[in-house]
Amino acid sequence: MNPMNRRGFLKIGGAGLTMGALSPIMGNPFLSSALHAGGVGNPKKMMIIFMRGGNDGVNTVIPHGDSSYNTTTRPTLFVPPTPAFDLNGFASLHPQMQLMKDVYDAGDLAVIQRVAYDNQSRSHFSSQQFWENAMPSIPGADQVEEGWVNRLIDTNPLLANHPIPGVSISNNQQVAFRGDRPLVHMRTLNAYQLGTSDIDLKLVGAAPGVSNNGSGLLGVYGRDPDASTYDPQLRDVGVAMASSLDALTQAGVDENAYVPANGAFYPDSGNNDGFDNRLLNFFRQVKNGAQLLKQTDCRVVGVELGSFDTHSNQQILNGSQGQNLRGLSRAFHSLRLDTQSTIWDDTIVIAVSEFGRTSAENGSQGTDHGEASCVFVGGGGVIGGVHNCDATTWANGDMFSIGNMRYVEQRTNFLTIYAEIVERHFGASLGVLDTVIPGWSGFTGPQYNYLNLLP
C-alpha cells in the first residue's frame, strides 16, 4: 500500500467545505444519513488534542523529586513546588493547570511522563507525521499521509455506512484523519453546515431510489459508479460530503444554539477569560467537538493547539506555554462538565505533542527540541494516576538521561497508549491493532507494556 500515490483533495468553494479523500474501499458506496441513534455498535468516543510545536514536558509534569530540576539547569524556568500542584509527592503540574488538577483529583485523568518513540526525530514535520500516522518504525513513513484514526474507523464494519464517524476540526485536515475512508474536515461547525432554505436542501437532495435517479449531490454521487463519467474517488468524497451535511441537518446540529451542560465554560469573544484569539479559536474547536460527540453518533474528533515551540522567552506563567497549558486545562475541565451527564464515561480525551524539549534551559531563556514529553488521557472510564514520574520509575538524574545527557529518555512508546485505547476502549482485536498500528504485534521491550490506563 502506498498512500502517497492515492491522495485526493476536493474543495467545494461555494459551500466552504474541504474534505480529504482517498481511493474507495467502502463496502456500500452510499452512506446512510441515520446519524443518531445510539448505537452503531460500540458507542465509545474520543477527542484528540494535538499540542503542536513540541511541548516542554519537564515544565508541564514537573519532576520535583529529581534534584537535577533546579535553578542551575533552569535559571528562569524553574518552578518551585509552590505554586505548582503536587500530584504524588514527586511530580507536580504546572501552576497554570489548576483546572487539570481538578480533573485529576476526580480520578478521571492519567498523567503520563516520558512518552516518545524509538529513534526520536527532532523535526516538527517528521515527528508530527509519526504521531499521526502511527508508523515511527517504518522507513520513509514521515512522508505517509495516512492516519491511525482513519484506519481505526475503516476497520470497523459497523461504521461502513456511517455518515460522520470522524471529524478533523482544524485549519487543515489532520493527517490522523486522512486515508482510504473520506472523513469530514471543517474549520468550524458554522462553516461546514448548510442552512435550512429550499436552496440548501435542494443542494443535498435525495438518494437514488429503485425507479428514480435521486436529486442533488446525493442523487449524483449515490448512483452506481461510472468510470467514464467521473473518478470513483470524487464520487466517494461527494457521497461522504452530502451524507454528512444531510446527517447534521437531520440531527438538528446548530452551533449558534448550543448550550454547554453543567455550567461548562468555553471562553469566546464575549467572555475571553484573558485568553487571546489564538486560544479562543482552540476553545471553539473543542466546543464544536463536544457538540458533535454529544449530539451525533460521531466517534472521533481531532482538534489542535499550536505555539508550543518555545526556543526563546518561554517564561513560566505568561509565555505561550503557560497560556497554552491554562487553555488545555480549561478544555479538559469544560469537556468533563459538558459531557458528564451523557457520554463522559464512554469518552477518551487525549492530549499529545510531537516531542519534548531540552532538559536544560538554553541561552535565550527557552528550550530546544528534545526527546520525551508528557501525554494526558482523560475520561470517565480512565484509571487516574501518574505514570513514569515517581520515585520508582524516575531515578535521580533521569532528567538528563539520553542524547549526550540533554534530554529525558522515553519509558513509554506513544504507540502503547494508542494500542491500549484501540483495544480496551474501542474493543479492537489483535488483528485490527496490527492494521491500525502497523507492526504492533511484533514490537518488544518494556516501552510497549500497557500502563493499564483503562480496565
Protein backbone atom coordinates (compact mmCIF):
# COMPACT_ATOMS: atom_id res chain seq x y z
CA MET A 1 0.00 0.00 0.00
CA ASN A 2 1.37 3.37 -0.98
CA PRO A 3 -0.94 6.07 0.43
CA MET A 4 1.24 8.83 -1.03
CA ASN A 5 0.10 7.89 -4.53
CA ARG A 6 -3.57 7.85 -3.64
CA ARG A 7 -4.22 11.28 -2.16
CA GLY A 8 -7.14 13.23 -3.48
CA PHE A 9 -8.50 16.55 -2.40
CA LEU A 10 -11.90 18.05 -3.11
CA LYS A 11 -12.79 21.66 -2.35
CA ILE A 12 -16.33 22.91 -2.71
CA GLY A 13 -15.61 26.62 -2.53
CA GLY A 14 -19.18 27.88 -2.66
CA ALA A 15 -20.19 25.86 0.38
CA GLY A 16 -16.97 26.49 2.28
CA LEU A 17 -16.22 22.78 2.52
CA THR A 18 -12.99 20.80 2.33
CA MET A 19 -12.61 17.04 2.61
CA GLY A 20 -9.53 14.86 2.26
CA ALA A 21 -10.14 11.75 0.22
CA LEU A 22 -8.58 8.52 -0.96
CA SER A 23 -9.47 5.55 -3.10
CA PRO A 24 -12.79 3.87 -2.30
CA ILE A 25 -12.87 0.70 -0.28
CA MET A 26 -16.22 1.09 1.45
CA GLY A 27 -18.45 -1.96 1.08
CA ASN A 28 -21.52 0.17 0.45
CA PRO A 29 -20.79 3.33 -1.51
CA PHE A 30 -23.87 5.11 -0.24
CA LEU A 31 -23.58 6.49 3.26
CA SER A 32 -26.75 6.42 5.34
CA SER A 33 -27.95 9.63 6.94
CA ALA A 34 -29.17 7.92 10.08
CA LEU A 35 -26.86 9.75 12.42
CA HIS A 36 -28.47 9.47 15.82
CA ALA A 37 -29.38 6.50 17.41
CA GLY A 38 -27.48 5.31 19.91
CA GLY A 39 -25.88 2.64 18.62
CA VAL A 40 -23.90 1.83 15.66
CA GLY A 41 -22.06 -0.88 17.56
CA ASN A 42 -19.60 0.20 20.23
CA PRO A 43 -20.64 3.69 21.46
CA LYS A 44 -17.13 4.66 22.59
CA LYS A 45 -15.84 8.09 21.56
CA MET A 46 -12.62 10.08 21.62
CA MET A 47 -11.29 13.60 21.24
CA ILE A 48 -7.63 14.06 20.29
CA ILE A 49 -5.90 17.35 21.14
CA PHE A 50 -2.60 17.80 19.31
CA MET A 51 -0.24 20.25 21.03
CA ARG A 52 1.81 21.36 18.03
CA GLY A 53 5.34 22.65 18.37
CA GLY A 54 6.83 20.29 20.93
CA ASN A 55 5.60 20.80 24.49
CA ASP A 56 8.13 21.20 27.31
CA GLY A 57 7.10 18.15 29.32
CA VAL A 58 9.59 18.90 32.10
CA ASN A 59 7.74 22.11 32.98
CA THR A 60 4.31 20.54 32.42
CA VAL A 61 4.57 17.45 34.63
CA ILE A 62 7.43 18.68 36.78
CA PRO A 63 9.82 16.10 38.31
CA HIS A 64 10.34 17.90 41.59
CA GLY A 65 11.70 14.66 43.06
CA ASP A 66 14.74 14.85 40.76
CA SER A 67 17.40 17.14 42.22
CA SER A 68 18.54 17.92 38.66
CA TYR A 69 15.45 20.08 38.33
CA ASN A 70 16.76 23.29 39.88
CA THR A 71 17.66 26.92 39.30
CA THR A 72 21.03 25.97 37.83
CA THR A 73 19.61 23.86 35.00
CA ARG A 74 16.60 26.16 34.55
CA PRO A 75 17.55 29.66 35.76
CA THR A 76 14.38 31.47 34.60
CA LEU A 77 12.15 28.43 34.07
CA PHE A 78 12.48 26.66 37.42
CA VAL A 79 9.05 26.27 39.04
CA PRO A 80 9.20 25.80 42.82
CA PRO A 81 6.88 23.22 44.43
CA THR A 82 4.60 26.09 45.35
CA PRO A 83 2.65 27.34 43.32
CA ALA A 84 2.81 24.08 41.30
CA PHE A 85 0.16 21.43 42.01
CA ASP A 86 1.51 18.31 43.69
CA LEU A 87 0.33 15.01 42.20
CA ASN A 88 2.12 12.28 44.13
CA GLY A 89 4.90 13.76 46.23
CA PHE A 90 7.34 13.54 43.32
CA ALA A 91 5.64 15.12 40.30
CA SER A 92 3.68 18.36 40.07
CA LEU A 93 1.53 20.05 37.47
CA HIS A 94 2.48 23.45 36.06
CA PRO A 95 0.99 26.31 38.12
CA GLN A 96 -1.35 27.27 35.25
CA MET A 97 -3.02 23.85 35.40
CA GLN A 98 -5.39 24.25 38.34
CA LEU A 99 -8.39 23.02 36.33
CA MET A 100 -6.45 19.99 35.09
CA LYS A 101 -5.65 19.17 38.71
CA ASP A 102 -9.40 19.24 39.42
CA VAL A 103 -9.95 16.58 36.76
CA TYR A 104 -7.06 14.57 38.22
CA ASP A 105 -8.49 14.84 41.75
CA ALA A 106 -11.78 13.48 40.43
CA GLY A 107 -9.93 10.33 39.36
CA ASP A 108 -10.60 10.96 35.67
CA LEU A 109 -7.08 11.77 34.43
CA ALA A 110 -4.00 9.70 33.69
CA VAL A 111 -0.80 11.77 33.58
CA ILE A 112 1.95 10.04 31.60
CA GLN A 113 5.52 11.34 31.54
CA ARG A 114 8.44 10.21 29.37
CA VAL A 115 6.48 9.37 26.22
CA ALA A 116 8.27 9.28 22.86
CA TYR A 117 9.29 6.64 20.30
CA ASP A 118 12.45 4.77 19.32
CA ASN A 119 14.99 6.83 17.34
CA GLN A 120 13.08 10.01 18.08
CA SER A 121 13.15 12.64 15.35
CA ARG A 122 13.55 16.26 16.38
CA SER A 123 11.95 17.54 13.17
CA HIS A 124 8.49 19.02 13.69
CA PHE A 125 7.26 17.70 10.35
CA SER A 126 8.59 14.15 10.68
CA SER A 127 7.61 13.70 14.30
CA GLN A 128 4.10 15.05 13.84
CA GLN A 129 3.67 12.69 10.88
CA PHE A 130 4.75 9.75 13.02
CA TRP A 131 2.39 10.62 15.87
CA GLU A 132 -0.48 10.95 13.39
CA ASN A 133 0.21 8.00 11.09
CA ALA A 134 1.46 5.72 13.91
CA MET A 135 4.37 4.48 11.80
CA PRO A 136 7.56 5.73 13.51
CA SER A 137 9.45 2.49 12.89
CA ILE A 138 8.77 2.29 9.14
CA PRO A 139 11.47 3.83 6.89
CA GLY A 140 10.14 6.78 4.92
CA ALA A 141 6.90 6.91 6.88
CA ASP A 142 7.36 10.60 7.59
CA GLN A 143 6.03 11.04 4.04
CA VAL A 144 2.95 8.85 4.56
CA GLU A 145 -0.28 10.84 4.67
CA GLU A 146 -2.44 8.08 6.11
CA GLY A 147 -3.65 8.36 9.68
CA TRP A 148 -4.25 5.91 12.51
CA VAL A 149 -7.71 7.34 13.20
CA ASN A 150 -8.75 6.76 9.59
CA ARG A 151 -7.58 3.15 9.82
CA LEU A 152 -9.35 2.71 13.17
CA ILE A 153 -12.64 3.84 11.63
CA ASP A 154 -12.11 2.00 8.36
CA THR A 155 -11.53 -1.36 10.07
CA ASN A 156 -14.87 -1.20 11.90
CA PRO A 157 -17.52 -2.82 9.68
CA LEU A 158 -20.27 -1.34 11.83
CA LEU A 159 -19.19 2.12 10.66
CA ALA A 160 -19.05 1.20 6.96
CA ASN A 161 -22.21 3.15 6.09
CA HIS A 162 -21.89 5.75 8.83
CA PRO A 163 -22.17 9.35 7.55
CA ILE A 164 -19.89 11.10 10.01
CA PRO A 165 -17.69 8.72 12.05
CA GLY A 166 -14.72 11.09 12.42
CA VAL A 167 -14.15 14.82 12.09
CA SER A 168 -10.98 16.90 11.96
CA ILE A 169 -11.73 20.40 13.27
CA SER A 170 -8.66 22.40 12.30
CA ASN A 171 -7.24 24.78 9.73
CA ASN A 172 -6.03 21.85 7.62
CA GLN A 173 -7.21 18.28 7.79
CA GLN A 174 -5.09 16.46 10.34
CA VAL A 175 -3.00 13.58 8.99
CA ALA A 176 -4.55 11.25 11.57
CA PHE A 177 -7.88 11.57 9.74
CA ARG A 178 -6.58 11.07 6.19
CA GLY A 179 -6.78 7.71 4.50
CA ASP A 180 -8.89 5.31 2.48
CA ARG A 181 -12.11 6.44 4.14
CA PRO A 182 -13.21 10.01 3.28
CA LEU A 183 -13.71 11.80 6.61
CA VAL A 184 -15.07 15.25 7.29
CA HIS A 185 -12.76 18.20 7.77
CA MET A 186 -14.12 21.53 8.99
CA ARG A 187 -12.75 24.71 10.50
CA THR A 188 -15.94 25.35 12.46
CA LEU A 189 -19.39 23.84 12.55
CA ASN A 190 -20.89 27.02 11.16
CA ALA A 191 -18.52 26.92 8.19
CA TYR A 192 -19.49 23.35 7.32
CA GLN A 193 -23.23 23.27 7.82
CA LEU A 194 -25.82 24.21 5.23
CA GLY A 195 -28.84 26.26 6.12
CA THR A 196 -32.46 25.18 6.02
CA SER A 197 -33.56 27.14 2.97
CA ASP A 198 -35.09 25.40 -0.03
CA ILE A 199 -31.87 26.07 -2.00
CA ASP A 200 -29.71 24.45 0.68
CA LEU A 201 -31.94 21.39 0.92
CA LYS A 202 -32.04 21.11 -2.85
CA LEU A 203 -28.23 21.04 -2.99
CA VAL A 204 -28.11 17.95 -0.76
CA GLY A 205 -31.10 16.39 -2.49
CA ALA A 206 -32.20 12.79 -2.14
CA ALA A 207 -30.57 9.42 -2.74
CA PRO A 208 -31.44 7.34 -5.81
CA GLY A 209 -34.44 5.03 -5.46
CA VAL A 210 -35.46 1.87 -7.22
CA SER A 211 -37.19 3.79 -10.01
CA ASN A 212 -35.53 7.20 -9.91
CA ASN A 213 -32.09 8.76 -10.04
CA GLY A 214 -32.49 10.88 -6.96
CA SER A 215 -31.56 14.55 -6.86
CA GLY A 216 -28.84 16.96 -5.78
CA LEU A 217 -25.48 15.76 -4.51
CA LEU A 218 -26.90 12.56 -3.05
CA GLY A 219 -28.52 11.75 -6.36
CA VAL A 220 -25.45 12.48 -8.47
CA TYR A 221 -22.88 10.73 -6.31
CA GLY A 222 -25.16 7.99 -4.97
CA ARG A 223 -25.66 6.29 -8.32
CA ASP A 224 -23.72 3.25 -9.44
CA PRO A 225 -20.16 4.31 -10.28
CA ASP A 226 -19.47 5.04 -13.91
CA ALA A 227 -15.77 5.39 -14.56
CA SER A 228 -16.49 7.11 -17.87
CA THR A 229 -18.37 9.89 -16.07
CA TYR A 230 -16.21 10.71 -13.07
CA ASP A 231 -13.46 9.33 -10.92
CA PRO A 232 -14.67 6.93 -8.17
CA GLN A 233 -12.57 8.91 -5.68
CA LEU A 234 -14.55 12.04 -6.45
CA ARG A 235 -17.75 10.09 -6.16
CA ASP A 236 -16.92 8.70 -2.71
CA VAL A 237 -15.99 12.15 -1.43
CA GLY A 238 -19.18 13.59 -2.89
CA VAL A 239 -21.30 10.93 -1.21
CA ALA A 240 -19.48 11.42 2.11
CA MET A 241 -19.87 15.19 1.95
CA ALA A 242 -23.55 15.14 1.01
CA SER A 243 -24.37 12.45 3.56
CA SER A 244 -22.56 14.24 6.38
CA LEU A 245 -24.28 17.53 5.57
CA ASP A 246 -27.63 15.79 5.47
CA ALA A 247 -26.87 13.98 8.73
CA LEU A 248 -26.01 17.20 10.56
CA THR A 249 -29.22 18.80 9.29
CA GLN A 250 -31.34 15.81 10.29
CA ALA A 251 -29.78 15.77 13.77
CA GLY A 252 -30.51 19.47 14.25
CA VAL A 253 -26.90 20.37 14.97
CA ASP A 254 -26.70 24.16 15.31
CA GLU A 255 -23.52 25.75 16.64
CA ASN A 256 -25.27 29.02 17.49
CA ALA A 257 -27.94 27.29 19.58
CA TYR A 258 -25.61 25.01 21.53
CA VAL A 259 -25.64 25.45 25.32
CA PRO A 260 -22.94 23.51 27.19
CA ALA A 261 -24.21 21.42 30.10
CA ASN A 262 -23.48 21.64 33.82
CA GLY A 263 -22.04 25.16 33.63
CA ALA A 264 -19.19 24.15 31.32
CA PHE A 265 -17.41 27.24 30.01
CA TYR A 266 -15.60 27.63 26.71
CA PRO A 267 -14.12 31.15 26.54
CA ASP A 268 -15.12 33.20 23.50
CA SER A 269 -15.07 36.80 22.30
CA GLY A 270 -17.94 37.65 24.65
CA ASN A 271 -16.02 36.38 27.68
CA ASN A 272 -12.42 35.65 26.83
CA ASP A 273 -11.19 34.94 30.39
CA GLY A 274 -7.93 36.65 29.47
CA PHE A 275 -7.18 34.36 26.50
CA ASP A 276 -6.04 35.71 23.12
CA ASN A 277 -7.73 35.00 19.77
CA ARG A 278 -5.47 32.03 19.08
CA LEU A 279 -6.75 30.22 22.16
CA LEU A 280 -10.32 31.39 21.60
CA ASN A 281 -10.17 29.60 18.24
CA PHE A 282 -8.97 26.47 20.06
CA PHE A 283 -11.87 26.66 22.52
CA ARG A 284 -14.29 26.94 19.62
CA GLN A 285 -12.82 23.78 18.10
CA VAL A 286 -13.19 21.97 21.43
CA LYS A 287 -16.76 23.20 21.91
CA ASN A 288 -17.69 22.19 18.35
CA GLY A 289 -16.13 18.78 19.00
CA ALA A 290 -18.07 18.32 22.24
CA GLN A 291 -21.29 19.20 20.43
CA LEU A 292 -20.63 16.67 17.66
CA LEU A 293 -19.75 13.92 20.12
CA LYS A 294 -22.83 14.64 22.24
CA GLN A 295 -25.47 15.36 19.62
CA THR A 296 -24.45 12.89 16.92
CA ASP A 297 -23.01 9.41 16.64
CA CYS A 298 -19.61 10.81 15.62
CA ARG A 299 -16.89 8.67 17.21
CA VAL A 300 -13.61 10.59 16.93
CA VAL A 301 -12.90 14.32 16.80
CA GLY A 302 -9.49 15.93 16.39
CA VAL A 303 -8.56 19.50 17.38
CA GLU A 304 -5.21 21.23 17.77
CA LEU A 305 -3.39 23.92 19.73
CA GLY A 306 -0.18 25.47 18.42
CA SER A 307 2.69 27.68 19.64
CA PHE A 308 4.46 25.16 21.88
CA ASP A 309 7.78 25.78 20.11
CA THR A 310 9.42 27.84 22.86
CA HIS A 311 13.04 28.44 21.79
CA SER A 312 13.21 31.85 23.46
CA ASN A 313 11.50 33.84 26.20
CA GLN A 314 9.49 30.80 27.24
CA GLN A 315 8.57 32.16 30.69
CA ILE A 316 6.60 30.27 33.29
CA LEU A 317 3.18 31.88 33.56
CA ASN A 318 2.68 34.41 30.79
CA GLY A 319 4.55 32.95 27.81
CA SER A 320 2.88 30.85 25.14
CA GLN A 321 3.46 27.59 27.03
CA GLY A 322 1.94 28.86 30.26
CA GLN A 323 -1.10 30.24 28.47
CA ASN A 324 -1.42 27.08 26.37
CA LEU A 325 -1.39 24.90 29.47
CA ARG A 326 -4.02 27.09 31.09
CA GLY A 327 -6.10 26.69 27.94
CA LEU A 328 -5.55 22.93 27.78
CA SER A 329 -6.64 22.63 31.40
CA ARG A 330 -9.75 24.68 30.72
CA ALA A 331 -10.55 22.40 27.76
CA PHE A 332 -10.30 19.19 29.80
CA HIS A 333 -12.28 20.68 32.67
CA SER A 334 -15.04 22.01 30.40
CA LEU A 335 -15.28 18.79 28.42
CA ARG A 336 -15.72 16.82 31.63
CA LEU A 337 -18.51 19.10 32.84
CA ASP A 338 -20.19 19.32 29.46
CA THR A 339 -20.34 15.56 28.88
CA GLN A 340 -20.56 14.30 32.44
CA SER A 341 -24.30 13.62 32.31
CA THR A 342 -24.18 11.97 28.89
CA ILE A 343 -21.06 10.49 27.24
CA TRP A 344 -18.15 11.16 29.64
CA ASP A 345 -17.96 7.55 30.84
CA ASP A 346 -17.65 6.39 27.21
CA THR A 347 -15.25 9.11 26.04
CA ILE A 348 -11.47 9.43 25.95
CA VAL A 349 -9.79 12.85 25.72
CA ILE A 350 -6.10 12.55 24.86
CA ALA A 351 -3.58 15.39 24.52
CA VAL A 352 -0.27 14.70 22.75
CA SER A 353 2.73 16.59 21.34
CA GLU A 354 5.38 15.55 18.80
CA PHE A 355 8.34 15.71 21.21
CA GLY A 356 9.56 17.26 24.43
CA ARG A 357 12.31 19.81 24.86
CA THR A 358 15.83 20.03 26.21
CA SER A 359 16.05 19.40 29.93
CA ALA A 360 18.26 22.45 30.49
CA GLU A 361 17.23 25.98 29.65
CA ASN A 362 19.08 27.47 26.68
CA GLY A 363 20.84 30.85 26.46
CA SER A 364 17.70 32.55 25.14
CA GLN A 365 15.60 31.72 28.20
CA GLY A 366 13.83 28.97 26.30
CA THR A 367 14.20 25.28 25.46
CA ASP A 368 15.06 23.44 22.23
CA HIS A 369 13.76 20.30 20.54
CA GLY A 370 14.18 17.25 22.76
CA GLU A 371 13.04 13.69 23.32
CA ALA A 372 10.23 12.52 25.59
CA SER A 373 7.30 14.64 26.71
CA CYS A 374 4.03 14.03 28.53
CA VAL A 375 0.59 12.81 27.47
CA PHE A 376 -2.75 13.36 29.21
CA VAL A 377 -5.59 10.83 28.95
CA GLY A 378 -8.91 11.80 30.48
CA GLY A 379 -12.37 10.25 30.65
CA GLY A 380 -14.94 8.73 32.97
CA GLY A 381 -13.60 5.24 32.29
CA VAL A 382 -9.93 6.17 32.72
CA ILE A 383 -7.99 4.85 35.70
CA GLY A 384 -6.46 8.05 37.03
CA GLY A 385 -2.90 8.34 38.25
CA VAL A 386 0.67 9.32 37.40
CA HIS A 387 2.89 7.15 35.21
CA ASN A 388 6.68 7.29 34.74
CA CYS A 389 7.18 10.13 37.20
CA ASP A 390 7.60 8.83 40.72
CA ALA A 391 10.46 7.57 42.87
CA THR A 392 10.19 4.03 41.48
CA THR A 393 10.24 4.96 37.78
CA TRP A 394 12.37 8.13 37.78
CA ALA A 395 15.86 7.85 39.25
CA ASN A 396 17.65 10.94 40.44
CA GLY A 397 19.30 12.50 37.40
CA ASP A 398 16.92 10.95 34.85
CA MET A 399 16.11 14.45 33.68
CA PHE A 400 19.37 14.17 31.73
CA SER A 401 19.28 10.58 30.53
CA ILE A 402 19.80 10.47 26.76
CA GLY A 403 21.21 12.44 23.82
CA ASN A 404 24.54 13.41 25.39
CA MET A 405 22.66 13.93 28.63
CA ARG A 406 20.46 16.65 27.18
CA TYR A 407 17.01 15.02 27.14
CA VAL A 408 14.50 12.97 29.09
CA GLU A 409 14.53 9.38 27.80
CA GLN A 410 11.28 7.60 26.93
CA ARG A 411 9.83 4.91 29.16
CA THR A 412 6.62 4.50 27.16
CA ASN A 413 6.28 4.46 23.39
CA PHE A 414 3.30 6.55 22.30
CA LEU A 415 2.06 3.60 20.23
CA THR A 416 1.48 1.75 23.51
CA ILE A 417 -1.03 4.39 24.60
CA TYR A 418 -2.76 4.26 21.23
CA ALA A 419 -2.87 0.45 21.32
CA GLU A 420 -4.41 0.34 24.78
CA ILE A 421 -7.09 2.81 23.70
CA VAL A 422 -7.80 0.94 20.46
CA GLU A 423 -8.04 -2.43 22.23
CA ARG A 424 -9.61 -1.61 25.57
CA HIS A 425 -11.69 1.44 24.72
CA PHE A 426 -12.79 0.63 21.17
CA GLY A 427 -12.70 -3.16 21.61
CA ALA A 428 -10.40 -4.00 18.71
CA SER A 429 -8.82 -7.40 18.17
CA LEU A 430 -5.09 -8.00 17.76
CA GLY A 431 -5.61 -8.28 14.01
CA VAL A 432 -7.24 -4.88 13.92
CA LEU A 433 -4.46 -3.49 16.12
CA ASP A 434 -1.91 -4.59 13.53
CA THR A 435 -3.83 -2.66 10.89
CA VAL A 436 -4.37 0.49 12.93
CA ILE A 437 -0.78 0.39 14.25
CA PRO A 438 1.26 -1.40 11.58
CA GLY A 439 3.60 -3.99 13.10
CA TRP A 440 2.19 -3.72 16.62
CA SER A 441 2.27 -7.44 17.40
CA GLY A 442 5.98 -7.57 16.59
CA PHE A 443 7.12 -4.79 18.93
CA THR A 444 9.00 -5.87 22.05
CA GLY A 445 10.51 -4.13 25.04
CA PRO A 446 9.26 -2.52 28.25
CA GLN A 447 8.26 0.65 26.41
CA TYR A 448 5.45 -1.38 24.83
CA ASN A 449 3.93 -2.60 28.10
CA TYR A 450 0.41 -1.35 28.71
CA LEU A 451 0.11 1.17 31.53
CA ASN A 452 -3.39 -0.03 32.48
CA LEU A 453 -4.96 3.32 31.79
CA LEU A 454 -8.24 1.50 31.17
CA PRO A 455 -9.91 -1.53 32.74
